[in-house]
Amino acid sequence: MDQPVSTPLTLTQLPVGSSAVITQILGGQELHRKLRGFGIRLGTPVRIAHRRGSGLVVSVGNTRVALGGGIVEKLLITPIHTDESPESGASG
């Protein structure tokens, strides 16, 4: 019955080069509208390109977007792990 409870991560908690999927946006309609203009919605995969002060530059598809620290703190994510386990590969 006891299951581990994971605390949500924000984009600022990931190292440069890692990828994640946006799972929640902690903001109102204006923030949602602004992010949609950048191509960022719930379920959007993003990659951390580099840090700029408290903000980040993220890759969304083929586009790079600079996001301020106030915005990246409001984007909750699930990290994408690109390494595959041996069980998931084809046997030969």
C-alpha atoms as a PDB file:
ATOM      1  CA  MET A   1       0.000   0.000   0.000  1.00  0.00           C
ATOM      2  CA  ASP A   2       2.945   2.340   0.626  1.00  0.00           C
ATOM      3  CA  GLN A   3       4.074   3.734  -2.692  1.00  0.00           C
ATOM      4  CA  PRO A   4       6.881   6.234  -3.092  1.00  0.00           C
ATOM      5  CA  VAL A   5       5.654   9.769  -3.599  1.00  0.00           C
ATOM      6  CA  SER A   6       7.805  11.713  -5.991  1.00  0.00           C
ATOM      7  CA  THR A   7       7.951  15.466  -5.778  1.00  0.00           C
ATOM      8  CA  PRO A   8       7.435  17.227  -9.094  1.00  0.00           C
ATOM      9  CA  LEU A   9      10.555  18.465 -10.828  1.00  0.00           C
ATOM     10  CA  THR A  10      10.984  21.803 -12.532  1.00  0.00           C
ATOM     11  CA  LEU A  11      13.146  22.448 -15.587  1.00  0.00           C
ATOM     12  CA  THR A  12      15.725  24.208 -13.406  1.00  0.00           C
ATOM     13  CA  GLN A  13      16.496  20.910 -11.677  1.00  0.00           C
ATOM     14  CA  LEU A  14      17.780  19.220 -14.828  1.00  0.00           C
ATOM     15  CA  PRO A  15      21.343  19.425 -16.143  1.00  0.00           C
ATOM     16  CA  VAL A  16      22.146  20.932 -19.534  1.00  0.00           C
ATOM     17  CA  GLY A  17      21.661  18.381 -22.304  1.00  0.00           C
ATOM     18  CA  SER A  18      18.848  16.469 -20.607  1.00  0.00           C
ATOM     19  CA  SER A  19      15.338  16.117 -21.962  1.00  0.00           C
ATOM     20  CA  ALA A  20      11.934  16.152 -20.304  1.00  0.00           C
ATOM     21  CA  VAL A  21       8.226  16.278 -21.031  1.00  0.00           C
ATOM     22  CA  ILE A  22       6.122  19.168 -19.708  1.00  0.00           C
ATOM     23  CA  THR A  23       3.546  17.623 -17.344  1.00  0.00           C
ATOM     24  CA  GLN A  24       2.083  20.693 -15.638  1.00  0.00           C
ATOM     25  CA  ILE A  25       2.122  24.461 -16.063  1.00  0.00           C
ATOM     26  CA  LEU A  26       1.648  26.388 -12.817  1.00  0.00           C
ATOM     27  CA  GLY A  27       0.222  29.564 -14.246  1.00  0.00           C
ATOM     28  CA  GLY A  28      -2.833  31.269 -15.592  1.00  0.00           C
ATOM     29  CA  GLN A  29      -4.212  31.750 -19.070  1.00  0.00           C
ATOM     30  CA  GLU A  30      -1.657  34.426 -19.977  1.00  0.00           C
ATOM     31  CA  LEU A  31       1.287  32.115 -19.243  1.00  0.00           C
ATOM     32  CA  HIS A  32      -0.380  29.262 -21.133  1.00  0.00           C
ATOM     33  CA  ARG A  33      -0.946  31.577 -24.113  1.00  0.00           C
ATOM     34  CA  LYS A  34       2.655  32.802 -24.081  1.00  0.00           C
ATOM     35  CA  LEU A  35       4.025  29.261 -23.911  1.00  0.00           C
ATOM     36  CA  ARG A  36       1.729  28.075 -26.725  1.00  0.00           C
ATOM     37  CA  GLY A  37       3.262  30.816 -28.860  1.00  0.00           C
ATOM     38  CA  PHE A  38       6.653  29.196 -28.232  1.00  0.00           C
ATOM     39  CA  GLY A  39       5.267  25.737 -29.059  1.00  0.00           C
ATOM     40  CA  ILE A  40       5.274  24.606 -25.425  1.00  0.00           C
ATOM     41  CA  ARG A  41       2.182  22.776 -24.147  1.00  0.00           C
ATOM     42  CA  LEU A  42       1.422  19.911 -21.799  1.00  0.00           C
ATOM     43  CA  GLY A  43       3.103  16.819 -23.186  1.00  0.00           C
ATOM     44  CA  THR A  44       5.718  18.792 -25.153  1.00  0.00           C
ATOM     45  CA  PRO A  45       9.216  17.275 -25.057  1.00  0.00           C
ATOM     46  CA  VAL A  46      11.956  19.836 -24.432  1.00  0.00           C
ATOM     47  CA  ARG A  47      15.763  19.641 -24.134  1.00  0.00           C
ATOM     48  CA  ILE A  48      17.861  21.926 -21.941  1.00  0.00           C
ATOM     49  CA  ALA A  49      20.266  23.670 -24.363  1.00  0.00           C
ATOM     50  CA  HIS A  50      22.023  25.943 -21.839  1.00  0.00           C
ATOM     51  CA  ARG A  51      21.560  28.147 -18.807  1.00  0.00           C
ATOM     52  CA  ARG A  52      21.267  31.935 -18.889  1.00  0.00           C
ATOM     53  CA  GLY A  53      21.399  33.256 -15.344  1.00  0.00           C
ATOM     54  CA  SER A  54      18.277  31.965 -13.618  1.00  0.00           C
ATOM     55  CA  GLY A  55      16.660  31.196 -16.977  1.00  0.00           C
ATOM     56  CA  LEU A  56      17.195  28.502 -19.563  1.00  0.00           C
ATOM     57  CA  VAL A  57      17.403  28.112 -23.295  1.00  0.00           C
ATOM     58  CA  VAL A  58      15.399  25.039 -24.296  1.00  0.00           C
ATOM     59  CA  SER A  59      15.029  23.248 -27.605  1.00  0.00           C
ATOM     60  CA  VAL A  60      11.467  22.550 -28.664  1.00  0.00           C
ATOM     61  CA  GLY A  61      11.659  20.519 -31.854  1.00  0.00           C
ATOM     62  CA  ASN A  62      13.976  22.498 -34.138  1.00  0.00           C
ATOM     63  CA  THR A  63      13.385  25.770 -32.284  1.00  0.00           C
ATOM     64  CA  ARG A  64      15.325  27.259 -29.380  1.00  0.00           C
ATOM     65  CA  VAL A  65      13.432  29.318 -26.820  1.00  0.00           C
ATOM     66  CA  ALA A  66      14.868  31.470 -24.012  1.00  0.00           C
ATOM     67  CA  LEU A  67      12.733  31.265 -20.872  1.00  0.00           C
ATOM     68  CA  GLY A  68      13.186  33.436 -17.793  1.00  0.00           C
ATOM     69  CA  GLY A  69      13.670  32.002 -14.326  1.00  0.00           C
ATOM     70  CA  GLY A  70      10.117  32.875 -13.274  1.00  0.00           C
ATOM     71  CA  ILE A  71       8.680  30.835 -16.126  1.00  0.00           C
ATOM     72  CA  VAL A  72      10.941  27.781 -15.818  1.00  0.00           C
ATOM     73  CA  GLU A  73      10.012  27.471 -12.131  1.00  0.00           C
ATOM     74  CA  LYS A  74       6.362  27.094 -13.205  1.00  0.00           C
ATOM     75  CA  LEU A  75       7.009  24.251 -15.657  1.00  0.00           C
ATOM     76  CA  LEU A  76       6.780  20.857 -13.984  1.00  0.00           C
ATOM     77  CA  ILE A  77       8.339  18.016 -15.914  1.00  0.00           C
ATOM     78  CA  THR A  78       9.036  14.312 -16.159  1.00  0.00           C
ATOM     79  CA  PRO A  79      12.623  13.586 -17.238  1.00  0.00           C
ATOM     80  CA  ILE A  80      13.158  11.511 -20.376  1.00  0.00           C
ATOM     81  CA  HIS A  81      15.836   8.889 -19.903  1.00  0.00           C
ATOM     82  CA  THR A  82      17.448   8.111 -23.241  1.00  0.00           C
ATOM     83  CA  ASP A  83      19.528   5.145 -22.070  1.00  0.00           C
ATOM     84  CA  GLU A  84      17.786   1.837 -22.651  1.00  0.00           C
ATOM     85  CA  SER A  85      17.995  -1.070 -20.294  1.00  0.00           C
ATOM     86  CA  PRO A  86      19.341  -4.396 -21.642  1.00  0.00           C
ATOM     87  CA  GLU A  87      15.894  -5.992 -21.170  1.00  0.00           C
ATOM     88  CA  SER A  88      14.304  -3.557 -23.614  1.00  0.00           C
ATOM     89  CA  GLY A  89      16.716  -4.317 -26.451  1.00  0.00           C
ATOM     90  CA  ALA A  90      16.351  -7.086 -29.005  1.00  0.00           C
ATOM     91  CA  SER A  91      18.085 -10.346 -28.222  1.00  0.00           C
ATOM     92  CA  GLY A  92      20.456 -11.739 -30.770  1.00  0.00           C
END
